[in-house]
Amino acid sequence: MATKKDIINTRRIRKIDGSFSWIDHRFITGGFLDDLSTIEILVYFFLVAVSDRHGVSFYHDDRICGLLKIDLFNLGKAREGLIHRSLIEYRAPIYQVLALPVAPVTPPTSEELADERRKIGLSYIEKFKEAVRGGGRSQVCSRK
């Protein structure tokens, strides 16, 4: 049985004037909120509030930290968590709140993240070795 929702203050009913942001109800009802930290929730809600109709915003990290009263480390950690859960994308200083995935995404474990970082590091080392060994030598070592 649904609860009847009466308007409590008829003089202060919200209306859309100018910009508008929204949070998909599935964020709450679909389990997306369940495993987020308090700071991840705060950052997500902030990004939703300041983004345009495409979910894009361009607040710099220091400004976000000042407004949310958090430090850069916690912002970075929250951003990484939201990215791993496929809720946002980030390319400094641009943030994009994404359409919710079909179901909540489980972030990688710390071991999986370390393995991924190791693989990326090894790929850079291999590219460097190839450049030094072969045809790329002139590009890496030339002094024109």
Protein backbone atom coordinates (compact mmCIF):
# COMPACT_ATOMS: atom_id res chain seq x y z
CA MET A 1 0.00 0.00 0.00
CA ALA A 2 1.46 3.33 -1.09
CA THR A 3 1.62 6.17 1.41
CA LYS A 4 -0.28 9.28 0.38
CA LYS A 5 2.17 12.14 -0.02
CA ASP A 6 0.61 15.50 0.74
CA ILE A 7 2.46 18.72 0.01
CA ILE A 8 3.56 20.15 3.34
CA ASN A 9 4.52 23.69 2.29
CA THR A 10 2.57 24.87 -0.76
CA ARG A 11 4.44 28.22 -0.84
CA ARG A 12 7.82 26.52 -1.39
CA ILE A 13 7.13 23.86 -4.04
CA ARG A 14 10.23 23.14 -6.11
CA LYS A 15 10.09 24.09 -9.76
CA ILE A 16 12.56 23.96 -12.61
CA ASP A 17 14.03 27.39 -13.31
CA GLY A 18 17.07 27.36 -15.55
CA SER A 19 19.34 24.39 -14.97
CA PHE A 20 18.17 21.09 -13.55
CA SER A 21 19.85 17.94 -12.24
CA TRP A 22 18.42 14.64 -11.13
CA ILE A 23 19.39 11.35 -9.56
CA ASP A 24 17.98 8.18 -11.07
CA HIS A 25 15.81 6.41 -8.46
CA ARG A 26 17.61 3.20 -9.37
CA PHE A 27 20.68 4.69 -7.67
CA ILE A 28 18.85 4.04 -4.39
CA THR A 29 16.47 1.20 -5.25
CA GLY A 30 18.87 -0.72 -7.52
CA GLY A 31 21.60 -1.19 -4.94
CA PHE A 32 24.10 1.33 -6.34
CA LEU A 33 24.25 3.22 -3.05
CA ASP A 34 24.80 0.14 -0.88
CA ASP A 35 28.59 -0.23 -1.06
CA LEU A 36 29.63 3.40 -1.50
CA SER A 37 31.54 5.24 1.22
CA THR A 38 30.14 8.44 2.67
CA ILE A 39 32.62 10.52 0.67
CA GLU A 40 31.84 8.63 -2.56
CA ILE A 41 28.14 9.41 -2.04
CA LEU A 42 28.94 13.06 -1.31
CA VAL A 43 31.13 13.41 -4.42
CA TYR A 44 28.57 11.61 -6.62
CA PHE A 45 25.69 13.81 -5.42
CA PHE A 46 27.84 16.94 -5.90
CA LEU A 47 28.77 15.94 -9.45
CA VAL A 48 25.12 15.24 -10.27
CA ALA A 49 24.13 18.65 -8.87
CA VAL A 50 26.71 20.62 -10.87
CA SER A 51 26.62 18.68 -14.14
CA ASP A 52 24.86 19.71 -17.33
CA ARG A 53 22.21 17.68 -19.16
CA HIS A 54 24.93 15.31 -20.42
CA GLY A 55 26.31 14.75 -16.93
CA VAL A 56 29.41 16.84 -17.65
CA SER A 57 31.00 19.33 -15.24
CA PHE A 58 34.40 20.99 -14.98
CA TYR A 59 35.08 21.85 -11.36
CA HIS A 60 38.76 21.67 -10.45
CA ASP A 61 39.74 19.33 -7.63
CA ASP A 62 40.77 22.11 -5.25
CA ARG A 63 37.39 23.82 -5.70
CA ILE A 64 35.50 20.55 -5.11
CA CYS A 65 37.55 19.90 -1.97
CA GLY A 66 36.83 23.38 -0.65
CA LEU A 67 33.11 23.15 -1.30
CA LEU A 68 32.75 19.62 0.11
CA LYS A 69 35.22 20.19 2.96
CA ILE A 70 37.32 17.14 2.07
CA ASP A 71 41.01 16.75 1.22
CA LEU A 72 42.56 15.87 -2.14
CA PHE A 73 43.46 12.34 -1.04
CA ASN A 74 39.85 11.52 -0.16
CA LEU A 75 38.55 13.15 -3.34
CA GLY A 76 40.96 11.03 -5.40
CA LYS A 77 39.99 7.87 -3.53
CA ALA A 78 36.27 8.61 -3.98
CA ARG A 79 36.75 9.43 -7.66
CA GLU A 80 38.62 6.16 -8.21
CA GLY A 81 35.84 4.22 -6.47
CA LEU A 82 33.14 5.89 -8.58
CA ILE A 83 35.11 5.22 -11.77
CA HIS A 84 35.62 1.55 -10.87
CA ARG A 85 31.89 1.23 -10.22
CA SER A 86 31.20 2.71 -13.67
CA LEU A 87 29.31 5.69 -12.23
CA ILE A 88 31.57 8.46 -13.54
CA GLU A 89 34.37 9.13 -16.01
CA TYR A 90 37.16 11.65 -15.45
CA ARG A 91 39.68 13.44 -17.65
CA ALA A 92 41.09 16.36 -15.68
CA PRO A 93 39.35 18.69 -15.06
CA ILE A 94 36.26 17.22 -16.75
CA TYR A 95 33.91 14.90 -14.89
CA GLN A 96 31.03 13.03 -16.49
CA VAL A 97 28.27 11.35 -14.49
CA LEU A 98 27.32 8.27 -16.52
CA ALA A 99 23.96 6.63 -17.09
CA LEU A 100 23.64 3.88 -14.50
CA PRO A 101 24.76 0.43 -15.61
CA VAL A 102 22.15 -2.34 -15.69
CA ALA A 103 23.33 -3.55 -12.26
CA PRO A 104 25.88 -2.31 -9.70
CA VAL A 105 29.48 -2.95 -10.77
CA THR A 106 31.79 -4.62 -8.28
CA PRO A 107 35.07 -2.70 -8.16
CA PRO A 108 38.32 -4.61 -8.63
CA THR A 109 40.11 -5.87 -5.53
CA SER A 110 43.35 -4.22 -4.41
CA GLU A 111 45.22 -7.26 -5.77
CA GLU A 112 43.54 -6.87 -9.18
CA LEU A 113 44.38 -3.15 -9.22
CA ALA A 114 48.03 -3.85 -8.33
CA ASP A 115 48.20 -6.50 -11.08
CA GLU A 116 46.75 -4.04 -13.61
CA ARG A 117 49.28 -1.35 -12.59
CA ARG A 118 52.11 -3.87 -12.92
CA LYS A 119 50.94 -4.86 -16.42
CA ILE A 120 50.78 -1.22 -17.49
CA GLY A 121 54.27 -0.60 -16.10
CA LEU A 122 55.64 -3.65 -17.93
CA SER A 123 54.04 -2.52 -21.20
CA TYR A 124 55.81 0.87 -20.87
CA ILE A 125 59.12 -0.88 -20.22
CA GLU A 126 58.63 -3.07 -23.31
CA LYS A 127 57.81 -0.03 -25.48
CA PHE A 128 60.92 1.72 -24.23
CA LYS A 129 63.09 -1.34 -24.92
CA GLU A 130 61.70 -1.59 -28.46
CA ALA A 131 62.40 2.08 -29.08
CA VAL A 132 65.98 1.77 -27.81
CA ARG A 133 66.66 -1.50 -29.73
CA GLY A 134 65.32 -0.70 -33.14
CA GLY A 135 63.97 1.87 -35.48
CA GLY A 136 62.77 4.09 -32.68
CA ARG A 137 66.37 4.67 -31.48
CA SER A 138 66.72 7.78 -33.57
CA GLN A 139 63.51 9.17 -32.10
CA VAL A 140 64.53 8.46 -28.52
CA CYS A 141 68.21 9.38 -28.73
CA SER A 142 68.61 11.85 -31.60
CA ARG A 143 70.13 15.25 -30.93
CA LYS A 144 69.35 17.48 -33.88
